[in-house]
Protein backbone atom coordinates (compact mmCIF):
# COMPACT_ATOMS: atom_id res chain seq x y z
CA UNK A 1 0.15 -0.17 0.12
CA UNK A 2 1.33 3.36 -0.86
CA UNK A 3 1.88 6.11 1.79
CA UNK A 4 -1.24 8.48 2.25
CA UNK A 5 -0.61 11.98 1.02
CA UNK A 6 -0.84 14.62 3.57
CA UNK A 7 -3.20 17.58 2.96
CA UNK A 8 -3.35 20.54 5.11
CA UNK A 9 -6.38 23.01 4.56
CA UNK A 10 -5.66 26.51 6.02
CA UNK A 11 -8.03 29.47 6.70
CA UNK A 12 -7.84 32.41 8.88
CA UNK A 13 -10.21 31.50 11.65
CA UNK A 14 -10.22 27.47 11.15
CA UNK A 15 -13.80 27.86 12.15
CA UNK A 16 -15.82 26.84 9.02
CA UNK A 17 -14.25 26.14 5.64
CA UNK A 18 -11.25 24.39 6.42
CA UNK A 19 -12.64 21.94 9.13
CA UNK A 20 -15.59 21.25 6.71
CA UNK A 21 -12.97 20.51 3.84
CA UNK A 22 -10.94 18.32 6.52
CA UNK A 23 -13.91 16.46 7.32
CA UNK A 24 -15.09 15.99 3.66
CA UNK A 25 -11.72 14.73 2.68
CA UNK A 26 -11.45 12.30 5.49
CA UNK A 27 -14.86 11.11 4.48
CA UNK A 28 -14.66 10.57 0.77
CA UNK A 29 -11.11 9.29 0.29
CA UNK A 30 -9.27 8.59 3.73
CA UNK A 31 -7.92 5.63 1.84
CA UNK A 32 -5.54 8.13 -0.14
CA UNK A 33 -5.23 11.17 1.90
CA UNK A 34 -4.68 12.16 5.49
CA UNK A 35 -6.45 15.37 6.04
CA UNK A 36 -5.91 18.20 8.55
CA UNK A 37 -6.85 21.86 8.86
CA UNK A 38 -5.58 24.93 10.67
CA UNK A 39 -5.95 28.51 11.20
CA UNK A 40 -3.56 31.33 11.76
CA UNK A 41 -5.92 32.92 14.06
CA UNK A 42 -8.26 29.96 15.08
CA UNK A 43 -11.56 30.26 16.94
CA UNK A 44 -14.07 27.74 17.80
CA UNK A 45 -15.55 25.73 15.19
CA UNK A 46 -19.00 27.27 14.36
CA UNK A 47 -21.95 25.06 15.21
CA UNK A 48 -23.35 25.76 11.71
CA UNK A 49 -20.69 24.31 10.11
CA UNK A 50 -21.18 20.94 12.23
CA UNK A 51 -24.69 21.16 11.42
CA UNK A 52 -24.03 21.13 7.48
CA UNK A 53 -21.66 18.35 7.75
CA UNK A 54 -24.12 16.15 10.03
CA UNK A 55 -26.86 16.95 7.60
CA UNK A 56 -24.79 15.51 4.67
CA UNK A 57 -24.04 12.47 6.51
CA UNK A 58 -20.45 13.41 7.21
CA UNK A 59 -19.16 12.88 10.76
CA UNK A 60 -17.59 16.00 12.81
CA UNK A 61 -16.41 13.70 15.68
CA UNK A 62 -13.01 14.79 16.97
CA UNK A 63 -13.12 18.01 14.62
CA UNK A 64 -11.58 20.86 16.52
CA UNK A 65 -10.08 24.23 15.59
CA UNK A 66 -6.37 24.16 15.44
CA UNK A 67 -3.48 26.72 15.32
CA UNK A 68 -1.14 26.46 12.38
CA UNK A 69 1.31 26.37 15.20
CA UNK A 70 0.50 22.80 15.97
CA UNK A 71 1.90 21.71 12.58
CA UNK A 72 5.21 23.80 12.77
CA UNK A 73 8.04 21.52 11.44
CA UNK A 74 5.86 19.01 9.64
CA UNK A 75 5.59 18.53 5.68
CA UNK A 76 2.26 18.14 3.82
CA UNK A 77 2.00 16.93 0.06
CA UNK A 78 -0.70 19.51 -0.29
CA UNK A 79 -1.45 22.88 1.50
CA UNK A 80 -4.88 24.22 0.28
CA UNK A 81 -5.58 27.80 1.29
CA UNK A 82 -9.47 28.19 1.13
CA UNK A 83 -9.78 32.16 1.99
CA UNK A 84 -8.09 35.10 0.82
CA UNK A 85 -4.12 34.32 0.74
CA UNK A 86 -3.58 37.89 1.73
CA UNK A 87 -5.47 37.42 5.02
CA UNK A 88 -2.38 35.52 6.25
CA UNK A 89 0.62 36.52 4.05
CA UNK A 90 3.66 36.61 6.19
CA UNK A 91 2.37 33.97 8.68
CA UNK A 92 4.68 31.02 9.03
CA UNK A 93 2.87 28.11 7.26
CA UNK A 94 4.07 24.46 7.25
CA UNK A 95 6.24 23.29 4.21
CA UNK A 96 4.47 21.71 1.50
CA UNK A 97 5.33 20.22 -1.78
CA UNK A 98 2.39 22.09 -3.66
CA UNK A 99 0.28 25.22 -2.56
CA UNK A 100 -3.08 25.53 -3.96
CA UNK A 101 -5.39 28.67 -3.55
CA UNK A 102 -9.34 28.10 -3.45
CA UNK A 103 -10.98 31.19 -2.54
CA UNK A 104 -14.31 30.38 -0.84
CA UNK A 105 -16.77 32.88 0.56
CA UNK A 106 -16.95 32.86 4.35
CA UNK A 107 -20.40 31.37 5.22
CA UNK A 108 -20.64 33.14 8.43
CA UNK A 109 -20.84 36.52 6.61
CA UNK A 110 -22.86 35.39 3.74
CA UNK A 111 -26.35 36.44 3.32
CA UNK A 112 -27.71 33.71 0.96
CA UNK A 113 -29.94 31.06 2.33
CA UNK A 114 -28.14 28.08 3.80
CA UNK A 115 -24.66 29.27 3.48
CA UNK A 116 -22.99 26.52 5.28
CA UNK A 117 -24.54 23.96 3.21
CA UNK A 118 -23.96 25.87 0.10
CA UNK A 119 -20.14 26.01 0.92
CA UNK A 120 -20.06 22.49 2.14
CA UNK A 121 -21.29 21.64 -1.36
CA UNK A 122 -18.92 23.87 -3.34
CA UNK A 123 -16.07 22.33 -1.11
CA UNK A 124 -17.53 18.80 -1.99
CA UNK A 125 -17.35 19.41 -5.83
CA UNK A 126 -13.79 21.09 -5.80
CA UNK A 127 -12.54 17.95 -3.72
CA UNK A 128 -14.00 15.30 -5.93
CA UNK A 129 -12.16 16.97 -8.74
CA UNK A 130 -8.79 17.40 -6.72
CA UNK A 131 -9.16 13.81 -5.71
CA UNK A 132 -9.77 12.75 -9.45
CA UNK A 133 -6.70 14.71 -10.59
CA UNK A 134 -4.38 13.89 -7.78
CA UNK A 135 -5.38 10.04 -7.61
CA UNK A 136 -4.33 9.88 -11.29
CA UNK A 137 -0.52 10.93 -10.41
């Protein structure tokens, strides 16, 4: 069996987008990827993010907001930035073989109907493409 590729999802607060992406990747392809998430200024995970995951049948068990500092000195195959990169330029991010930037709107400040479920669906769609491309490599 080949070694799992390590993926770190990063956002400023690590309260919605990055933990949802972590849970999604663990759920959809934990066989090939080891998923983590962190924030440069972490806060508690938004309960609406947990609700969106649970509604989709994805476990949020053990999911917690983490500081990027917890991963200091570690290497990741992919570091995926899920919010405006300028929000944490200059911060010390862990080393990675590839940095990918996906800018998703913050569901906490969105005025659309059911923004957490909407962002979860967008993340799911993007991760399906990511898995398809990266599993061919």
